[in-house]
PDB file of all heavy atoms in Angstrom:
ATOM      1  N   VAL A   1      50.564 -29.846  24.054  1.00  0.00           N
ATOM      2  CA  VAL A   1      49.944 -30.619  22.982  1.00  0.00           C
ATOM      3  C   VAL A   1      50.733 -30.450  21.684  1.00  0.00           C
ATOM      4  O   VAL A   1      51.069 -31.426  21.004  1.00  0.00           O
ATOM      5  CB  VAL A   1      48.474 -30.189  22.792  1.00  0.00           C
ATOM      6  CG1 VAL A   1      47.881 -30.832  21.539  1.00  0.00           C
ATOM      7  CG2 VAL A   1      47.653 -30.546  24.022  1.00  0.00           C
ATOM      8  N   ILE A   2      51.045 -29.200  21.338  1.00  0.00           N
ATOM      9  CA  ILE A   2      51.795 -28.943  20.100  1.00  0.00           C
ATOM     10  C   ILE A   2      53.186 -29.558  20.186  1.00  0.00           C
ATOM     11  O   ILE A   2      53.715 -30.107  19.201  1.00  0.00           O
ATOM     12  CB  ILE A   2      51.872 -27.436  19.813  1.00  0.00           C
ATOM     13  CG1 ILE A   2      50.481 -26.892  19.469  1.00  0.00           C
ATOM     14  CG2 ILE A   2      52.841 -27.153  18.677  1.00  0.00           C
ATOM     15  CD1 ILE A   2      49.852 -27.519  18.232  1.00  0.00           C
ATOM     16  N   GLY A   3      53.804 -29.498  21.354  1.00  0.00           N
ATOM     17  CA  GLY A   3      55.120 -30.097  21.514  1.00  0.00           C
ATOM     18  C   GLY A   3      55.110 -31.599  21.311  1.00  0.00           C
ATOM     19  O   GLY A   3      56.122 -32.194  20.917  1.00  0.00           O
ATOM     20  N   ARG A   4      53.988 -32.232  21.573  1.00  0.00           N
ATOM     21  CA  ARG A   4      53.879 -33.682  21.427  1.00  0.00           C
ATOM     22  C   ARG A   4      53.548 -34.104  19.992  1.00  0.00           C
ATOM     23  O   ARG A   4      54.099 -35.077  19.485  1.00  0.00           O
ATOM     24  CB  ARG A   4      52.776 -34.216  22.351  1.00  0.00           C
ATOM     25  CG  ARG A   4      53.079 -34.096  23.824  1.00  0.00           C
ATOM     26  CD  ARG A   4      51.816 -34.322  24.663  1.00  0.00           C
ATOM     27  NE  ARG A   4      52.062 -34.004  26.055  1.00  0.00           N
ATOM     28  CZ  ARG A   4      52.382 -34.894  26.999  1.00  0.00           C
ATOM     29  NH1 ARG A   4      52.476 -36.166  26.681  1.00  0.00           N
ATOM     30  NH2 ARG A   4      52.603 -34.508  28.241  1.00  0.00           N
ATOM     31  N   TYR A   5      52.608 -33.386  19.372  1.00  0.00           N
ATOM     32  CA  TYR A   5      52.043 -33.871  18.109  1.00  0.00           C
ATOM     33  C   TYR A   5      52.278 -32.946  16.914  1.00  0.00           C
ATOM     34  O   TYR A   5      52.080 -33.374  15.779  1.00  0.00           O
ATOM     35  CB  TYR A   5      50.531 -34.097  18.280  1.00  0.00           C
ATOM     36  CG  TYR A   5      50.205 -35.002  19.436  1.00  0.00           C
ATOM     37  CD1 TYR A   5      49.576 -34.509  20.580  1.00  0.00           C
ATOM     38  CD2 TYR A   5      50.554 -36.355  19.416  1.00  0.00           C
ATOM     39  CE1 TYR A   5      49.285 -35.334  21.661  1.00  0.00           C
ATOM     40  CE2 TYR A   5      50.275 -37.187  20.487  1.00  0.00           C
ATOM     41  CZ  TYR A   5      49.639 -36.670  21.615  1.00  0.00           C
ATOM     42  OH  TYR A   5      49.369 -37.485  22.681  1.00  0.00           O
ATOM     43  N   GLY A   6      52.675 -31.726  17.147  1.00  0.00           N
ATOM     44  CA  GLY A   6      52.925 -30.794  16.053  1.00  0.00           C
ATOM     45  C   GLY A   6      51.670 -30.149  15.518  1.00  0.00           C
ATOM     46  O   GLY A   6      51.548 -28.935  15.464  1.00  0.00           O
ATOM     47  N   ASP A   7      50.699 -30.964  15.128  1.00  0.00           N
ATOM     48  CA  ASP A   7      49.434 -30.443  14.620  1.00  0.00           C
ATOM     49  C   ASP A   7      48.367 -31.526  14.761  1.00  0.00           C
ATOM     50  O   ASP A   7      48.635 -32.636  15.262  1.00  0.00           O
ATOM     51  CB  ASP A   7      49.558 -29.985  13.163  1.00  0.00           C
ATOM     52  CG  ASP A   7      50.083 -31.070  12.221  1.00  0.00           C
ATOM     53  OD1 ASP A   7      49.957 -32.278  12.567  1.00  0.00           O
ATOM     54  OD2 ASP A   7      50.602 -30.727  11.150  1.00  0.00           O
ATOM     55  N   ALA A   8      47.151 -31.208  14.300  1.00  0.00           N
ATOM     56  CA  ALA A   8      46.027 -32.131  14.451  1.00  0.00           C
ATOM     57  C   ALA A   8      46.269 -33.440  13.699  1.00  0.00           C
ATOM     58  O   ALA A   8      45.872 -34.523  14.163  1.00  0.00           O
ATOM     59  CB  ALA A   8      44.739 -31.468  13.972  1.00  0.00           C
ATOM     60  N   ALA A   9      46.920 -33.364  12.554  1.00  0.00           N
ATOM     61  CA  ALA A   9      47.211 -34.581  11.787  1.00  0.00           C
ATOM     62  C   ALA A   9      48.161 -35.492  12.564  1.00  0.00           C
ATOM     63  O   ALA A   9      48.033 -36.729  12.524  1.00  0.00           O
ATOM     64  CB  ALA A   9      47.801 -34.216  10.435  1.00  0.00           C
ATOM     65  N   GLY A  10      49.122 -34.897  13.257  1.00  0.00           N
ATOM     66  CA  GLY A  10      50.040 -35.688  14.061  1.00  0.00           C
ATOM     67  C   GLY A  10      49.332 -36.396  15.205  1.00  0.00           C
ATOM     68  O   GLY A  10      49.681 -37.534  15.558  1.00  0.00           O
ATOM     69  N   TYR A  11      48.317 -35.722  15.772  1.00  0.00           N
ATOM     70  CA  TYR A  11      47.538 -36.354  16.845  1.00  0.00           C
ATOM     71  C   TYR A  11      46.746 -37.540  16.301  1.00  0.00           C
ATOM     72  O   TYR A  11      46.751 -38.635  16.894  1.00  0.00           O
ATOM     73  CB  TYR A  11      46.603 -35.333  17.485  1.00  0.00           C
ATOM     74  CG  TYR A  11      45.638 -35.943  18.473  1.00  0.00           C
ATOM     75  CD1 TYR A  11      46.092 -36.535  19.648  1.00  0.00           C
ATOM     76  CD2 TYR A  11      44.267 -35.954  18.222  1.00  0.00           C
ATOM     77  CE1 TYR A  11      45.212 -37.109  20.550  1.00  0.00           C
ATOM     78  CE2 TYR A  11      43.378 -36.525  19.121  1.00  0.00           C
ATOM     79  CZ  TYR A  11      43.853 -37.099  20.285  1.00  0.00           C
ATOM     80  OH  TYR A  11      42.977 -37.668  21.177  1.00  0.00           O
ATOM     81  N   ILE A  12      46.096 -37.361  15.160  1.00  0.00           N
ATOM     82  CA  ILE A  12      45.329 -38.461  14.565  1.00  0.00           C
ATOM     83  C   ILE A  12      46.241 -39.646  14.269  1.00  0.00           C
ATOM     84  O   ILE A  12      45.895 -40.809  14.536  1.00  0.00           O
ATOM     85  CB  ILE A  12      44.613 -37.989  13.287  1.00  0.00           C
ATOM     86  CG1 ILE A  12      43.532 -36.950  13.632  1.00  0.00           C
ATOM     87  CG2 ILE A  12      43.992 -39.167  12.543  1.00  0.00           C
ATOM     88  CD1 ILE A  12      42.907 -36.295  12.425  1.00  0.00           C
ATOM     89  N   ALA A  13      47.407 -39.374  13.737  1.00  0.00           N
ATOM     90  CA  ALA A  13      48.340 -40.456  13.416  1.00  0.00           C
ATOM     91  C   ALA A  13      48.742 -41.220  14.673  1.00  0.00           C
ATOM     92  O   ALA A  13      48.857 -42.458  14.656  1.00  0.00           O
ATOM     93  CB  ALA A  13      49.573 -39.884  12.721  1.00  0.00           C
ATOM     94  N   ALA A  14      48.949 -40.508  15.780  1.00  0.00           N
ATOM     95  CA  ALA A  14      49.324 -41.167  17.032  1.00  0.00           C
ATOM     96  C   ALA A  14      48.182 -42.031  17.563  1.00  0.00           C
ATOM     97  O   ALA A  14      48.405 -43.140  18.081  1.00  0.00           O
ATOM     98  CB  ALA A  14      49.729 -40.121  18.071  1.00  0.00           C
ATOM     99  N   ILE A  15      46.946 -41.545  17.439  1.00  0.00           N
ATOM    100  CA  ILE A  15      45.778 -42.309  17.880  1.00  0.00           C
ATOM    101  C   ILE A  15      45.637 -43.586  17.048  1.00  0.00           C
ATOM    102  O   ILE A  15      45.411 -44.683  17.580  1.00  0.00           O
ATOM    103  CB  ILE A  15      44.505 -41.447  17.777  1.00  0.00           C
ATOM    104  CG1 ILE A  15      44.474 -40.388  18.882  1.00  0.00           C
ATOM    105  CG2 ILE A  15      43.252 -42.308  17.815  1.00  0.00           C
ATOM    106  CD1 ILE A  15      44.167 -40.907  20.263  1.00  0.00           C
ATOM    107  N   VAL A  16      45.767 -43.465  15.745  1.00  0.00           N
ATOM    108  CA  VAL A  16      45.618 -44.628  14.867  1.00  0.00           C
ATOM    109  C   VAL A  16      46.710 -45.658  15.144  1.00  0.00           C
ATOM    110  O   VAL A  16      46.450 -46.871  15.181  1.00  0.00           O
ATOM    111  CB  VAL A  16      45.624 -44.192  13.392  1.00  0.00           C
ATOM    112  CG1 VAL A  16      45.700 -45.397  12.465  1.00  0.00           C
ATOM    113  CG2 VAL A  16      44.384 -43.360  13.079  1.00  0.00           C
ATOM    114  N   LYS A  17      47.917 -45.196  15.368  1.00  0.00           N
ATOM    115  CA  LYS A  17      49.017 -46.106  15.686  1.00  0.00           C
ATOM    116  C   LYS A  17      48.721 -46.879  16.976  1.00  0.00           C
ATOM    117  O   LYS A  17      48.941 -48.095  17.061  1.00  0.00           O
ATOM    118  CB  LYS A  17      50.319 -45.323  15.818  1.00  0.00           C
ATOM    119  CG  LYS A  17      51.542 -46.181  16.083  1.00  0.00           C
ATOM    120  CD  LYS A  17      52.812 -45.318  16.155  1.00  0.00           C
ATOM    121  CE  LYS A  17      54.035 -46.173  16.436  1.00  0.00           C
ATOM    122  NZ  LYS A  17      55.271 -45.338  16.517  1.00  0.00           N
ATOM    123  N   ALA A  18      48.214 -46.158  17.964  1.00  0.00           N
ATOM    124  CA  ALA A  18      47.871 -46.806  19.231  1.00  0.00           C
ATOM    125  C   ALA A  18      46.756 -47.834  19.037  1.00  0.00           C
ATOM    126  O   ALA A  18      46.799 -48.943  19.596  1.00  0.00           O
ATOM    127  CB  ALA A  18      47.445 -45.754  20.249  1.00  0.00           C
ATOM    128  N   ALA A  19      45.749 -47.479  18.236  1.00  0.00           N
ATOM    129  CA  ALA A  19      44.627 -48.387  17.993  1.00  0.00           C
ATOM    130  C   ALA A  19      45.096 -49.654  17.294  1.00  0.00           C
ATOM    131  O   ALA A  19      44.629 -50.765  17.603  1.00  0.00           O
ATOM    132  CB  ALA A  19      43.555 -47.674  17.181  1.00  0.00           C
ATOM    133  N   ARG A  20      46.001 -49.510  16.349  1.00  0.00           N
ATOM    134  CA  ARG A  20      46.496 -50.688  15.637  1.00  0.00           C
ATOM    135  C   ARG A  20      47.251 -51.631  16.580  1.00  0.00           C
ATOM    136  O   ARG A  20      47.200 -52.860  16.425  1.00  0.00           O
ATOM    137  CB  ARG A  20      47.373 -50.260  14.464  1.00  0.00           C
ATOM    138  CG  ARG A  20      46.583 -49.580  13.343  1.00  0.00           C
ATOM    139  CD  ARG A  20      47.394 -49.460  12.065  1.00  0.00           C
ATOM    140  NE  ARG A  20      46.633 -48.785  11.030  1.00  0.00           N
ATOM    141  CZ  ARG A  20      45.695 -49.363  10.276  1.00  0.00           C
ATOM    142  NH1 ARG A  20      45.410 -50.654  10.469  1.00  0.00           N
ATOM    143  NH2 ARG A  20      45.046 -48.681   9.359  1.00  0.00           N
ATOM    144  N   ARG A  21      47.953 -51.085  17.545  1.00  0.00           N
ATOM    145  CA  ARG A  21      48.626 -51.938  18.529  1.00  0.00           C
ATOM    146  C   ARG A  21      47.603 -52.767  19.303  1.00  0.00           C
ATOM    147  O   ARG A  21      47.813 -53.951  19.581  1.00  0.00           O
ATOM    148  CB  ARG A  21      49.455 -51.085  19.495  1.00  0.00           C
ATOM    149  CG  ARG A  21      50.808 -50.669  18.961  1.00  0.00           C
ATOM    150  CD  ARG A  21      51.710 -50.155  20.081  1.00  0.00           C
ATOM    151  NE  ARG A  21      51.230 -48.885  20.616  1.00  0.00           N
ATOM    152  CZ  ARG A  21      51.666 -47.683  20.221  1.00  0.00           C
ATOM    153  NH1 ARG A  21      52.593 -47.602  19.268  1.00  0.00           N
ATOM    154  NH2 ARG A  21      51.204 -46.587  20.765  1.00  0.00           N
ATOM    155  N   LEU A  22      46.493 -52.137  19.672  1.00  0.00           N
ATOM    156  CA  LEU A  22      45.456 -52.840  20.420  1.00  0.00           C
ATOM    157  C   LEU A  22      44.812 -53.940  19.578  1.00  0.00           C
ATOM    158  O   LEU A  22      44.505 -55.026  20.082  1.00  0.00           O
ATOM    159  CB  LEU A  22      44.399 -51.846  20.910  1.00  0.00           C
ATOM    160  CG  LEU A  22      44.872 -50.871  21.994  1.00  0.00           C
ATOM    161  CD1 LEU A  22      43.891 -49.724  22.166  1.00  0.00           C
ATOM    162  CD2 LEU A  22      45.059 -51.602  23.329  1.00  0.00           C
ATOM    163  N   VAL A  23      44.595 -53.673  18.295  1.00  0.00           N
ATOM    164  CA  VAL A  23      44.046 -54.692  17.403  1.00  0.00           C
ATOM    165  C   VAL A  23      45.012 -55.877  17.315  1.00  0.00           C
ATOM    166  O   VAL A  23      44.606 -57.046  17.406  1.00  0.00           O
ATOM    167  CB  VAL A  23      43.763 -54.109  16.004  1.00  0.00           C
ATOM    168  CG1 VAL A  23      43.398 -55.221  15.023  1.00  0.00           C
ATOM    169  CG2 VAL A  23      42.648 -53.069  16.066  1.00  0.00           C
ATOM    170  N   ALA A  24      46.292 -55.593  17.163  1.00  0.00           N
ATOM    171  CA  ALA A  24      47.295 -56.653  17.059  1.00  0.00           C
ATOM    172  C   ALA A  24      47.349 -57.503  18.327  1.00  0.00           C
ATOM    173  O   ALA A  24      47.638 -58.706  18.264  1.00  0.00           O
ATOM    174  CB  ALA A  24      48.672 -56.043  16.771  1.00  0.00           C
ATOM    175  N   ASP A  25      47.048 -56.881  19.471  1.00  0.00           N
ATOM    176  CA  ASP A  25      47.082 -57.600  20.748  1.00  0.00           C
ATOM    177  C   ASP A  25      45.765 -58.308  21.067  1.00  0.00           C
ATOM    178  O   ASP A  25      45.632 -58.911  22.145  1.00  0.00           O
ATOM    179  CB  ASP A  25      47.421 -56.631  21.885  1.00  0.00           C
ATOM    180  CG  ASP A  25      48.862 -56.144  21.825  1.00  0.00           C
ATOM    181  OD1 ASP A  25      49.673 -56.779  21.111  1.00  0.00           O
ATOM    182  OD2 ASP A  25      49.176 -55.133  22.483  1.00  0.00           O
TER     183      ASP A  25
END
C-alpha cells in the first residue's frame, strides 16, 4: 500500500482521480 500511494493523502488523490474519470465517461 505504501509503495503505491506513499501515504493516506496519496490514496485519496488516486481515488478522486479515478472518480473524475468515471464522471467524464
